[in-house]
Amino acid sequence: MTTKTLIATALIALSAAAVPAFAQSYSHLDPITQGQKTRAEVLADLEIYRASGLAAVDRTEDFALNAGQRAKAQARYAELKASPTYAALVQRYAAKDAKGAATEGVAAR
């Protein structure tokens, strides 16, 4: 074996060993293991995300310039998420989905 082949083999072996460790460290990125949200919950969360100002803050690339804005938006998001507003939005979107499903059922007949 040449030196190049030995180095390549060693790098492949090291990268193969690193993949499981990397995958475990980022398991929080797998939404299925965290439990699934309903469509209504996702839409309500998106509306609150936008209303809190987090969407606008996340669009900027320089996080250092808007640290104060980000903190205020995150606090507002947490406040909205814990408020009855979120629950009302979930119910509204769920009712809309149910109405849409009922309309589709009638149309299919």
PDB file of N, CA and C in Angstrom:
ATOM      1  N   MET A   1       0.833  -1.181   0.000  1.00  0.00           N
ATOM      2  CA  MET A   1       0.000   0.000   0.000  1.00  0.00           C
ATOM      3  C   MET A   1       0.876   1.241   0.000  1.00  0.00           C
ATOM      4  N   THR A   2       0.379   2.214  -0.702  1.00  0.00           N
ATOM      5  CA  THR A   2       1.126   3.464  -0.735  1.00  0.00           C
ATOM      6  C   THR A   2       0.710   4.336   0.440  1.00  0.00           C
ATOM      7  N   THR A   3       1.456   5.381   0.641  1.00  0.00           N
ATOM      8  CA  THR A   3       1.158   6.300   1.725  1.00  0.00           C
ATOM      9  C   THR A   3      -0.196   6.963   1.508  1.00  0.00           C
ATOM     10  N   LYS A   4      -0.490   7.310   0.249  1.00  0.00           N
ATOM     11  CA  LYS A   4      -1.779   7.935  -0.062  1.00  0.00           C
ATOM     12  C   LYS A   4      -2.934   7.009   0.291  1.00  0.00           C
ATOM     13  N   THR A   5      -2.792   5.752  -0.027  1.00  0.00           N
ATOM     14  CA  THR A   5      -3.847   4.778   0.243  1.00  0.00           C
ATOM     15  C   THR A   5      -4.046   4.610   1.742  1.00  0.00           C
ATOM     16  N   LEU A   6      -2.951   4.569   2.486  1.00  0.00           N
ATOM     17  CA  LEU A   6      -3.055   4.438   3.937  1.00  0.00           C
ATOM     18  C   LEU A   6      -3.746   5.647   4.565  1.00  0.00           C
ATOM     19  N   ILE A   7      -3.388   6.817   4.089  1.00  0.00           N
ATOM     20  CA  ILE A   7      -3.997   8.038   4.621  1.00  0.00           C
ATOM     21  C   ILE A   7      -5.486   8.072   4.280  1.00  0.00           C
ATOM     22  N   ALA A   8      -5.823   7.731   3.042  1.00  0.00           N
ATOM     23  CA  ALA A   8      -7.228   7.721   2.624  1.00  0.00           C
ATOM     24  C   ALA A   8      -8.026   6.710   3.443  1.00  0.00           C
ATOM     25  N   THR A   9      -7.468   5.539   3.679  1.00  0.00           N
ATOM     26  CA  THR A   9      -8.146   4.513   4.466  1.00  0.00           C
ATOM     27  C   THR A   9      -8.358   4.985   5.899  1.00  0.00           C
ATOM     28  N   ALA A  10      -7.365   5.624   6.467  1.00  0.00           N
ATOM     29  CA  ALA A  10      -7.480   6.133   7.830  1.00  0.00           C
ATOM     30  C   ALA A  10      -8.545   7.227   7.922  1.00  0.00           C
ATOM     31  N   LEU A  11      -8.581   8.113   6.933  1.00  0.00           N
ATOM     32  CA  LEU A  11      -9.587   9.180   6.942  1.00  0.00           C
ATOM     33  C   LEU A  11     -10.998   8.624   6.802  1.00  0.00           C
ATOM     34  N   ILE A  12     -11.165   7.627   5.972  1.00  0.00           N
ATOM     35  CA  ILE A  12     -12.483   7.004   5.805  1.00  0.00           C
ATOM     36  C   ILE A  12     -12.915   6.340   7.111  1.00  0.00           C
ATOM     37  N   ALA A  13     -11.996   5.654   7.755  1.00  0.00           N
ATOM     38  CA  ALA A  13     -12.316   4.980   9.013  1.00  0.00           C
ATOM     39  C   ALA A  13     -12.682   5.997  10.094  1.00  0.00           C
ATOM     40  N   LEU A  14     -11.940   7.096  10.147  1.00  0.00           N
ATOM     41  CA  LEU A  14     -12.242   8.130  11.140  1.00  0.00           C
ATOM     42  C   LEU A  14     -13.581   8.802  10.874  1.00  0.00           C
ATOM     43  N   SER A  15     -13.878   9.079   9.618  1.00  0.00           N
ATOM     44  CA  SER A  15     -15.147   9.736   9.307  1.00  0.00           C
ATOM     45  C   SER A  15     -16.321   8.804   9.572  1.00  0.00           C
ATOM     46  N   ALA A  16     -16.146   7.508   9.328  1.00  0.00           N
ATOM     47  CA  ALA A  16     -17.217   6.550   9.604  1.00  0.00           C
ATOM     48  C   ALA A  16     -17.485   6.460  11.104  1.00  0.00           C
ATOM     49  N   ALA A  17     -16.444   6.583  11.908  1.00  0.00           N
ATOM     50  CA  ALA A  17     -16.606   6.535  13.358  1.00  0.00           C
ATOM     51  C   ALA A  17     -17.241   7.822  13.887  1.00  0.00           C
ATOM     52  N   ALA A  18     -17.023   8.924  13.208  1.00  0.00           N
ATOM     53  CA  ALA A  18     -17.538  10.210  13.669  1.00  0.00           C
ATOM     54  C   ALA A  18     -19.014  10.401  13.346  1.00  0.00           C
ATOM     55  N   VAL A  19     -19.520   9.752  12.316  1.00  0.00           N
ATOM     56  CA  VAL A  19     -20.906   9.959  11.895  1.00  0.00           C
ATOM     57  C   VAL A  19     -21.907   9.610  12.990  1.00  0.00           C
ATOM     58  N   PRO A  20     -21.836   8.452  13.650  1.00  0.00           N
ATOM     59  CA  PRO A  20     -22.819   8.174  14.701  1.00  0.00           C
ATOM     60  C   PRO A  20     -22.762   9.172  15.856  1.00  0.00           C
ATOM     61  N   ALA A  21     -21.582   9.612  16.216  1.00  0.00           N
ATOM     62  CA  ALA A  21     -21.457  10.582  17.305  1.00  0.00           C
ATOM     63  C   ALA A  21     -22.085  11.908  16.899  1.00  0.00           C
ATOM     64  N   PHE A  22     -21.875  12.317  15.661  1.00  0.00           N
ATOM     65  CA  PHE A  22     -22.463  13.554  15.150  1.00  0.00           C
ATOM     66  C   PHE A  22     -23.979  13.443  15.115  1.00  0.00           C
ATOM     67  N   ALA A  23     -24.484  12.324  14.648  1.00  0.00           N
ATOM     68  CA  ALA A  23     -25.927  12.138  14.552  1.00  0.00           C
ATOM     69  C   ALA A  23     -26.570  12.166  15.940  1.00  0.00           C
ATOM     70  N   GLN A  24     -25.928  11.591  16.931  1.00  0.00           N
ATOM     71  CA  GLN A  24     -26.479  11.594  18.275  1.00  0.00           C
ATOM     72  C   GLN A  24     -26.485  12.992  18.875  1.00  0.00           C
ATOM     73  N   SER A  25     -25.458  13.769  18.590  1.00  0.00           N
ATOM     74  CA  SER A  25     -25.379  15.095  19.194  1.00  0.00           C
ATOM     75  C   SER A  25     -26.428  16.044  18.624  1.00  0.00           C
ATOM     76  N   TYR A  26     -26.975  15.753  17.455  1.00  0.00           N
ATOM     77  CA  TYR A  26     -27.984  16.610  16.842  1.00  0.00           C
ATOM     78  C   TYR A  26     -29.330  15.920  16.723  1.00  0.00           C
ATOM     79  N   SER A  27     -29.632  15.037  17.665  1.00  0.00           N
ATOM     80  CA  SER A  27     -30.898  14.317  17.613  1.00  0.00           C
ATOM     81  C   SER A  27     -32.091  15.241  17.809  1.00  0.00           C
ATOM     82  N   HIS A  28     -31.882  16.428  18.387  1.00  0.00           N
ATOM     83  CA  HIS A  28     -32.987  17.362  18.580  1.00  0.00           C
ATOM     84  C   HIS A  28     -33.512  17.902  17.257  1.00  0.00           C
ATOM     85  N   LEU A  29     -32.775  17.698  16.171  1.00  0.00           N
ATOM     86  CA  LEU A  29     -33.223  18.175  14.874  1.00  0.00           C
ATOM     87  C   LEU A  29     -34.272  17.257  14.255  1.00  0.00           C
ATOM     88  N   ASP A  30     -34.490  16.097  14.832  1.00  0.00           N
ATOM     89  CA  ASP A  30     -35.449  15.151  14.300  1.00  0.00           C
ATOM     90  C   ASP A  30     -36.809  15.415  14.936  1.00  0.00           C
ATOM     91  N   PRO A  31     -37.715  16.094  14.235  1.00  0.00           N
ATOM     92  CA  PRO A  31     -38.981  16.475  14.854  1.00  0.00           C
ATOM     93  C   PRO A  31     -39.881  15.288  15.185  1.00  0.00           C
ATOM     94  N   ILE A  32     -39.709  14.175  14.518  1.00  0.00           N
ATOM     95  CA  ILE A  32     -40.580  13.027  14.759  1.00  0.00           C
ATOM     96  C   ILE A  32     -40.357  12.467  16.155  1.00  0.00           C
ATOM     97  N   THR A  33     -39.127  12.461  16.639  1.00  0.00           N
ATOM     98  CA  THR A  33     -38.855  11.929  17.966  1.00  0.00           C
ATOM     99  C   THR A  33     -39.370  12.855  19.058  1.00  0.00           C
ATOM    100  N   GLN A  34     -39.619  14.099  18.744  1.00  0.00           N
ATOM    101  CA  GLN A  34     -40.110  15.057  19.718  1.00  0.00           C
ATOM    102  C   GLN A  34     -41.634  15.028  19.825  1.00  0.00           C
ATOM    103  N   GLY A  35     -42.284  14.265  19.003  1.00  0.00           N
ATOM    104  CA  GLY A  35     -43.749  14.267  18.966  1.00  0.00           C
ATOM    105  C   GLY A  35     -44.207  15.178  17.846  1.00  0.00           C
ATOM    106  N   GLN A  36     -45.262  14.796  17.219  1.00  0.00           N
ATOM    107  CA  GLN A  36     -45.710  15.579  16.081  1.00  0.00           C
ATOM    108  C   GLN A  36     -46.767  16.583  16.495  1.00  0.00           C
ATOM    109  N   LYS A  37     -46.743  17.723  15.828  1.00  0.00           N
ATOM    110  CA  LYS A  37     -47.736  18.756  16.055  1.00  0.00           C
ATOM    111  C   LYS A  37     -48.796  18.637  14.970  1.00  0.00           C
ATOM    112  N   THR A  38     -49.976  19.089  15.303  1.00  0.00           N
ATOM    113  CA  THR A  38     -51.027  19.115  14.306  1.00  0.00           C
ATOM    114  C   THR A  38     -50.771  20.274  13.348  1.00  0.00           C
ATOM    115  N   ARG A  39     -51.449  20.246  12.223  1.00  0.00           N
ATOM    116  CA  ARG A  39     -51.324  21.320  11.255  1.00  0.00           C
ATOM    117  C   ARG A  39     -51.776  22.635  11.894  1.00  0.00           C
ATOM    118  N   ALA A  40     -52.832  22.578  12.678  1.00  0.00           N
ATOM    119  CA  ALA A  40     -53.355  23.776  13.344  1.00  0.00           C
ATOM    120  C   ALA A  40     -52.323  24.364  14.304  1.00  0.00           C
ATOM    121  N   GLU A  41     -51.605  23.499  15.034  1.00  0.00           N
ATOM    122  CA  GLU A  41     -50.577  23.983  15.969  1.00  0.00           C
ATOM    123  C   GLU A  41     -49.426  24.643  15.225  1.00  0.00           C
ATOM    124  N   VAL A  42     -49.045  24.065  14.105  1.00  0.00           N
ATOM    125  CA  VAL A  42     -47.945  24.632  13.315  1.00  0.00           C
ATOM    126  C   VAL A  42     -48.338  25.991  12.757  1.00  0.00           C
ATOM    127  N   LEU A  43     -49.542  26.092  12.216  1.00  0.00           N
ATOM    128  CA  LEU A  43     -49.994  27.370  11.664  1.00  0.00           C
ATOM    129  C   LEU A  43     -50.140  28.437  12.743  1.00  0.00           C
ATOM    130  N   ALA A  44     -50.666  28.052  13.912  1.00  0.00           N
ATOM    131  CA  ALA A  44     -50.797  29.003  15.016  1.00  0.00           C
ATOM    132  C   ALA A  44     -49.415  29.457  15.487  1.00  0.00           C
ATOM    133  N   ASP A  45     -48.475  28.517  15.572  1.00  0.00           N
ATOM    134  CA  ASP A  45     -47.114  28.859  15.991  1.00  0.00           C
ATOM    135  C   ASP A  45     -46.468  29.810  14.988  1.00  0.00           C
ATOM    136  N   LEU A  46     -46.688  29.569  13.701  1.00  0.00           N
ATOM    137  CA  LEU A  46     -46.143  30.448  12.673  1.00  0.00           C
ATOM    138  C   LEU A  46     -46.720  31.855  12.792  1.00  0.00           C
ATOM    139  N   GLU A  47     -48.007  31.948  13.049  1.00  0.00           N
ATOM    140  CA  GLU A  47     -48.628  33.271  13.191  1.00  0.00           C
ATOM    141  C   GLU A  47     -48.063  34.022  14.395  1.00  0.00           C
ATOM    142  N   ILE A  48     -47.866  33.314  15.485  1.00  0.00           N
ATOM    143  CA  ILE A  48     -47.293  33.935  16.684  1.00  0.00           C
ATOM    144  C   ILE A  48     -45.824  34.322  16.450  1.00  0.00           C
ATOM    145  N   TYR A  49     -45.106  33.472  15.735  1.00  0.00           N
ATOM    146  CA  TYR A  49     -43.710  33.757  15.392  1.00  0.00           C
ATOM    147  C   TYR A  49     -43.620  35.065  14.609  1.00  0.00           C
ATOM    148  N   ARG A  50     -44.509  35.233  13.664  1.00  0.00           N
ATOM    149  CA  ARG A  50     -44.506  36.459  12.873  1.00  0.00           C
ATOM    150  C   ARG A  50     -44.954  37.661  13.700  1.00  0.00           C
ATOM    151  N   ALA A  51     -46.021  37.483  14.492  1.00  0.00           N
ATOM    152  CA  ALA A  51     -46.569  38.591  15.275  1.00  0.00           C
ATOM    153  C   ALA A  51     -45.597  39.067  16.356  1.00  0.00           C
ATOM    154  N   SER A  52     -44.788  38.156  16.877  1.00  0.00           N
ATOM    155  CA  SER A  52     -43.851  38.527  17.941  1.00  0.00           C
ATOM    156  C   SER A  52     -42.681  39.366  17.433  1.00  0.00           C
ATOM    157  N   GLY A  53     -42.441  39.318  16.141  1.00  0.00           N
ATOM    158  CA  GLY A  53     -41.307  40.034  15.567  1.00  0.00           C
ATOM    159  C   GLY A  53     -40.091  39.151  15.342  1.00  0.00           C
ATOM    160  N   LEU A  54     -40.161  37.885  15.758  1.00  0.00           N
ATOM    161  CA  LEU A  54     -39.019  36.982  15.556  1.00  0.00           C
ATOM    162  C   LEU A  54     -38.746  36.739  14.075  1.00  0.00           C
ATOM    163  N   ALA A  55     -39.771  36.679  13.271  1.00  0.00           N
ATOM    164  CA  ALA A  55     -39.572  36.452  11.834  1.00  0.00           C
ATOM    165  C   ALA A  55     -38.747  37.582  11.232  1.00  0.00           C
ATOM    166  N   ALA A  56     -39.067  38.810  11.598  1.00  0.00           N
ATOM    167  CA  ALA A  56     -38.328  39.969  11.079  1.00  0.00           C
ATOM    168  C   ALA A  56     -36.886  39.966  11.568  1.00  0.00           C
ATOM    169  N   VAL A  57     -36.680  39.629  12.828  1.00  0.00           N
ATOM    170  CA  VAL A  57     -35.332  39.598  13.392  1.00  0.00           C
ATOM    171  C   VAL A  57     -34.511  38.487  12.740  1.00  0.00           C
ATOM    172  N   ASP A  58     -35.134  37.332  12.501  1.00  0.00           N
ATOM    173  CA  ASP A  58     -34.410  36.204  11.905  1.00  0.00           C
ATOM    174  C   ASP A  58     -34.035  36.438  10.450  1.00  0.00           C
ATOM    175  N   ARG A  59     -34.676  37.388   9.795  1.00  0.00           N
ATOM    176  CA  ARG A  59     -34.339  37.674   8.407  1.00  0.00           C
ATOM    177  C   ARG A  59     -33.022  38.433   8.274  1.00  0.00           C
ATOM    178  N   THR A  60     -32.580  39.084   9.330  1.00  0.00           N
ATOM    179  CA  THR A  60     -31.325  39.830   9.255  1.00  0.00           C
ATOM    180  C   THR A  60     -30.152  38.879   9.426  1.00  0.00           C
ATOM    181  N   GLU A  61     -29.047  39.202   8.817  1.00  0.00           N
ATOM    182  CA  GLU A  61     -27.873  38.333   8.872  1.00  0.00           C
ATOM    183  C   GLU A  61     -26.918  38.683  10.003  1.00  0.00           C
ATOM    184  N   ASP A  62     -26.961  39.900  10.485  1.00  0.00           N
ATOM    185  CA  ASP A  62     -26.046  40.333  11.537  1.00  0.00           C
ATOM    186  C   ASP A  62     -26.749  40.260  12.883  1.00  0.00           C
ATOM    187  N   PHE A  63     -26.518  39.174  13.620  1.00  0.00           N
ATOM    188  CA  PHE A  63     -27.196  38.968  14.894  1.00  0.00           C
ATOM    189  C   PHE A  63     -26.689  39.920  15.982  1.00  0.00           C
ATOM    190  N   ALA A  64     -25.484  40.428  15.844  1.00  0.00           N
ATOM    191  CA  ALA A  64     -24.929  41.317  16.863  1.00  0.00           C
ATOM    192  C   ALA A  64     -25.659  42.663  16.888  1.00  0.00           C
ATOM    193  N   LEU A  65     -26.097  43.121  15.740  1.00  0.00           N
ATOM    194  CA  LEU A  65     -26.754  44.428  15.672  1.00  0.00           C
ATOM    195  C   LEU A  65     -28.136  44.434  16.304  1.00  0.00           C
ATOM    196  N   ASN A  66     -28.791  43.282  16.352  1.00  0.00           N
ATOM    197  CA  ASN A  66     -30.159  43.275  16.830  1.00  0.00           C
ATOM    198  C   ASN A  66     -30.366  42.378  18.047  1.00  0.00           C
ATOM    199  N   ALA A  67     -29.370  42.272  18.894  1.00  0.00           N
ATOM    200  CA  ALA A  67     -29.475  41.419  20.087  1.00  0.00           C
ATOM    201  C   ALA A  67     -30.614  41.884  20.988  1.00  0.00           C
ATOM    202  N   GLY A  68     -30.774  43.170  21.144  1.00  0.00           N
ATOM    203  CA  GLY A  68     -31.861  43.706  21.953  1.00  0.00           C
ATOM    204  C   GLY A  68     -33.221  43.416  21.337  1.00  0.00           C
ATOM    205  N   GLN A  69     -33.300  43.596  20.023  1.00  0.00           N
ATOM    206  CA  GLN A  69     -34.548  43.302  19.320  1.00  0.00           C
ATOM    207  C   GLN A  69     -34.889  41.816  19.425  1.00  0.00           C
ATOM    208  N   ARG A  70     -33.878  40.974  19.292  1.00  0.00           N
ATOM    209  CA  ARG A  70     -34.092  39.526  19.373  1.00  0.00           C
ATOM    210  C   ARG A  70     -34.614  39.141  20.756  1.00  0.00           C
ATOM    211  N   ALA A  71     -34.022  39.694  21.800  1.00  0.00           N
ATOM    212  CA  ALA A  71     -34.445  39.375  23.160  1.00  0.00           C
ATOM    213  C   ALA A  71     -35.900  39.804  23.383  1.00  0.00           C
ATOM    214  N   LYS A  72     -36.264  40.995  22.896  1.00  0.00           N
ATOM    215  CA  LYS A  72     -37.643  41.455  23.034  1.00  0.00           C
ATOM    216  C   LYS A  72     -38.598  40.569  22.250  1.00  0.00           C
ATOM    217  N   ALA A  73     -38.203  40.192  21.039  1.00  0.00           N
ATOM    218  CA  ALA A  73     -39.062  39.349  20.202  1.00  0.00           C
ATOM    219  C   ALA A  73     -39.221  37.961  20.809  1.00  0.00           C
ATOM    220  N   GLN A  74     -38.145  37.409  21.374  1.00  0.00           N
ATOM    221  CA  GLN A  74     -38.232  36.090  22.003  1.00  0.00           C
ATOM    222  C   GLN A  74     -39.135  36.138  23.235  1.00  0.00           C
ATOM    223  N   ALA A  75     -39.037  37.206  24.001  1.00  0.00           N
ATOM    224  CA  ALA A  75     -39.906  37.355  25.173  1.00  0.00           C
ATOM    225  C   ALA A  75     -41.361  37.489  24.739  1.00  0.00           C
ATOM    226  N   ARG A  76     -41.601  38.253  23.700  1.00  0.00           N
ATOM    227  CA  ARG A  76     -42.967  38.423  23.178  1.00  0.00           C
ATOM    228  C   ARG A  76     -43.496  37.093  22.634  1.00  0.00           C
ATOM    229  N   TYR A  77     -42.654  36.332  21.952  1.00  0.00           N
ATOM    230  CA  TYR A  77     -43.063  35.024  21.431  1.00  0.00           C
ATOM    231  C   TYR A  77     -43.457  34.089  22.575  1.00  0.00           C
ATOM    232  N   ALA A  78     -42.626  34.024  23.612  1.00  0.00           N
ATOM    233  CA  ALA A  78     -42.926  33.166  24.766  1.00  0.00           C
ATOM    234  C   ALA A  78     -44.225  33.596  25.437  1.00  0.00           C
ATOM    235  N   GLU A  79     -44.424  34.902  25.526  1.00  0.00           N
ATOM    236  CA  GLU A  79     -45.647  35.436  26.127  1.00  0.00           C
ATOM    237  C   GLU A  79     -46.877  35.030  25.303  1.00  0.00           C
ATOM    238  N   LEU A  80     -46.787  35.185  23.989  1.00  0.00           N
ATOM    239  CA  LEU A  80     -47.904  34.818  23.118  1.00  0.00           C
ATOM    240  C   LEU A  80     -48.165  33.313  23.125  1.00  0.00           C
ATOM    241  N   LYS A  81     -47.106  32.543  23.161  1.00  0.00           N
ATOM    242  CA  LYS A  81     -47.250  31.078  23.146  1.00  0.00           C
ATOM    243  C   LYS A  81     -47.951  30.587  24.411  1.00  0.00           C
ATOM    244  N   ALA A  82     -47.712  31.241  25.535  1.00  0.00           N
ATOM    245  CA  ALA A  82     -48.314  30.836  26.807  1.00  0.00           C
ATOM    246  C   ALA A  82     -49.705  31.452  27.008  1.00  0.00           C
ATOM    247  N   SER A  83     -50.087  32.388  26.154  1.00  0.00           N
ATOM    248  CA  SER A  83     -51.350  33.100  26.330  1.00  0.00           C
ATOM    249  C   SER A  83     -52.519  32.341  25.704  1.00  0.00           C
ATOM    250  N   PRO A  84     -53.727  32.749  26.035  1.00  0.00           N
ATOM    251  CA  PRO A  84     -54.909  32.154  25.408  1.00  0.00           C
ATOM    252  C   PRO A  84     -54.976  32.429  23.900  1.00  0.00           C
ATOM    253  N   THR A  85     -54.226  33.403  23.443  1.00  0.00           N
ATOM    254  CA  THR A  85     -54.200  33.716  22.013  1.00  0.00           C
ATOM    255  C   THR A  85     -53.752  32.507  21.197  1.00  0.00           C
ATOM    256  N   TYR A  86     -52.717  31.831  21.659  1.00  0.00           N
ATOM    257  CA  TYR A  86     -52.212  30.656  20.947  1.00  0.00           C
ATOM    258  C   TYR A  86     -53.280  29.571  20.886  1.00  0.00           C
ATOM    259  N   ALA A  87     -53.908  29.291  22.010  1.00  0.00           N
ATOM    260  CA  ALA A  87     -54.950  28.257  22.047  1.00  0.00           C
ATOM    261  C   ALA A  87     -56.108  28.622  21.116  1.00  0.00           C
ATOM    262  N   ALA A  88     -56.471  29.893  21.085  1.00  0.00           N
ATOM    263  CA  ALA A  88     -57.555  30.337  20.213  1.00  0.00           C
ATOM    264  C   ALA A  88     -57.177  30.166  18.742  1.00  0.00           C
ATOM    265  N   LEU A  89     -55.935  30.487  18.419  1.00  0.00           N
ATOM    266  CA  LEU A  89     -55.473  30.310  17.039  1.00  0.00           C
ATOM    267  C   LEU A  89     -55.490  28.831  16.637  1.00  0.00           C
ATOM    268  N   VAL A  90     -55.048  27.965  17.534  1.00  0.00           N
ATOM    269  CA  VAL A  90     -55.056  26.525  17.248  1.00  0.00           C
ATOM    270  C   VAL A  90     -56.487  26.074  16.981  1.00  0.00           C
ATOM    271  N   GLN A  91     -57.419  26.512  17.812  1.00  0.00           N
ATOM    272  CA  GLN A  91     -58.818  26.125  17.619  1.00  0.00           C
ATOM    273  C   GLN A  91     -59.363  26.662  16.299  1.00  0.00           C
ATOM    274  N   ARG A  92     -58.997  27.890  15.971  1.00  0.00           N
ATOM    275  CA  ARG A  92     -59.472  28.486  14.719  1.00  0.00           C
ATOM    276  C   ARG A  92     -58.961  27.705  13.513  1.00  0.00           C
ATOM    277  N   TYR A  93     -57.659  27.383  13.520  1.00  0.00           N
ATOM    278  CA  TYR A  93     -57.097  26.629  12.397  1.00  0.00           C
ATOM    279  C   TYR A  93     -57.637  25.200  12.351  1.00  0.00           C
ATOM    280  N   ALA A  94     -57.858  24.588  13.499  1.00  0.00           N
ATOM    281  CA  ALA A  94     -58.421  23.233  13.533  1.00  0.00           C
ATOM    282  C   ALA A  94     -59.838  23.234  12.964  1.00  0.00           C
ATOM    283  N   ALA A  95     -60.623  24.248  13.321  1.00  0.00           N
ATOM    284  CA  ALA A  95     -61.988  24.354  12.794  1.00  0.00           C
ATOM    285  C   ALA A  95     -61.963  24.560  11.280  1.00  0.00           C
ATOM    286  N   LYS A  96     -61.028  25.378  10.829  1.00  0.00           N
ATOM    287  CA  LYS A  96     -60.877  25.619   9.388  1.00  0.00           C
ATOM    288  C   LYS A  96     -60.523  24.323   8.669  1.00  0.00           C
ATOM    289  N   ASP A  97     -59.595  23.546   9.255  1.00  0.00           N
ATOM    290  CA  ASP A  97     -59.205  22.265   8.669  1.00  0.00           C
ATOM    291  C   ASP A  97     -60.372  21.291   8.644  1.00  0.00           C
ATOM    292  N   ALA A  98     -61.138  21.261   9.738  1.00  0.00           N
ATOM    293  CA  ALA A  98     -62.284  20.357   9.809  1.00  0.00           C
ATOM    294  C   ALA A  98     -63.339  20.746   8.781  1.00  0.00           C
ATOM    295  N   LYS A  99     -63.551  22.037   8.626  1.00  0.00           N
ATOM    296  CA  LYS A  99     -64.521  22.515   7.640  1.00  0.00           C
ATOM    297  C   LYS A  99     -64.055  22.162   6.225  1.00  0.00           C
ATOM    298  N   GLY A 100     -62.761  22.329   5.981  1.00  0.00           N
ATOM    299  CA  GLY A 100     -62.210  21.970   4.675  1.00  0.00           C
ATOM    300  C   GLY A 100     -62.329  20.483   4.395  1.00  0.00           C
ATOM    301  N   ALA A 101     -62.089  19.665   5.410  1.00  0.00           N
ATOM    302  CA  ALA A 101     -62.195  18.208   5.244  1.00  0.00           C
ATOM    303  C   ALA A 101     -63.640  17.811   4.982  1.00  0.00           C
ATOM    304  N   ALA A 102     -64.586  18.478   5.657  1.00  0.00           N
ATOM    305  CA  ALA A 102     -65.999  18.187   5.449  1.00  0.00           C
ATOM    306  C   ALA A 102     -66.421  18.586   4.048  1.00  0.00           C
ATOM    307  N   THR A 103     -65.930  19.718   3.580  1.00  0.00           N
ATOM    308  CA  THR A 103     -66.246  20.175   2.238  1.00  0.00           C
ATOM    309  C   THR A 103     -65.683  19.231   1.184  1.00  0.00           C
ATOM    310  N   GLU A 104     -64.482  18.725   1.407  1.00  0.00           N
ATOM    311  CA  GLU A 104     -63.881  17.763   0.480  1.00  0.00           C
ATOM    312  C   GLU A 104     -64.688  16.475   0.438  1.00  0.00           C
ATOM    313  N   GLY A 105     -65.194  16.042   1.608  1.00  0.00           N
ATOM    314  CA  GLY A 105     -65.995  14.820   1.667  1.00  0.00           C
ATOM    315  C   GLY A 105     -67.283  14.959   0.874  1.00  0.00           C
ATOM    316  N   VAL A 106     -67.908  16.140   0.947  1.00  0.00           N
ATOM    317  CA  VAL A 106     -69.143  16.393   0.204  1.00  0.00           C
ATOM    318  C   VAL A 106     -68.849  16.442  -1.293  1.00  0.00           C
ATOM    319  N   ALA A 107     -67.756  17.049  -1.677  1.00  0.00           N
ATOM    320  CA  ALA A 107     -67.386  17.169  -3.076  1.00  0.00           C
ATOM    321  C   ALA A 107     -67.054  15.814  -3.693  1.00  0.00           C
ATOM    322  N   ALA A 108     -66.533  14.890  -2.868  1.00  0.00           N
ATOM    323  CA  ALA A 108     -66.144  13.582  -3.380  1.00  0.00           C
ATOM    324  C   ALA A 108     -67.363  12.711  -3.675  1.00  0.00           C
ATOM    325  N   ARG A 109     -68.512  13.024  -3.097  1.00  0.00           N
ATOM    326  CA  ARG A 109     -69.706  12.190  -3.295  1.00  0.00           C
ATOM    327  C   ARG A 109     -70.273  12.371  -4.620  1.00  0.00           C
TER     328      ARG A 109
END
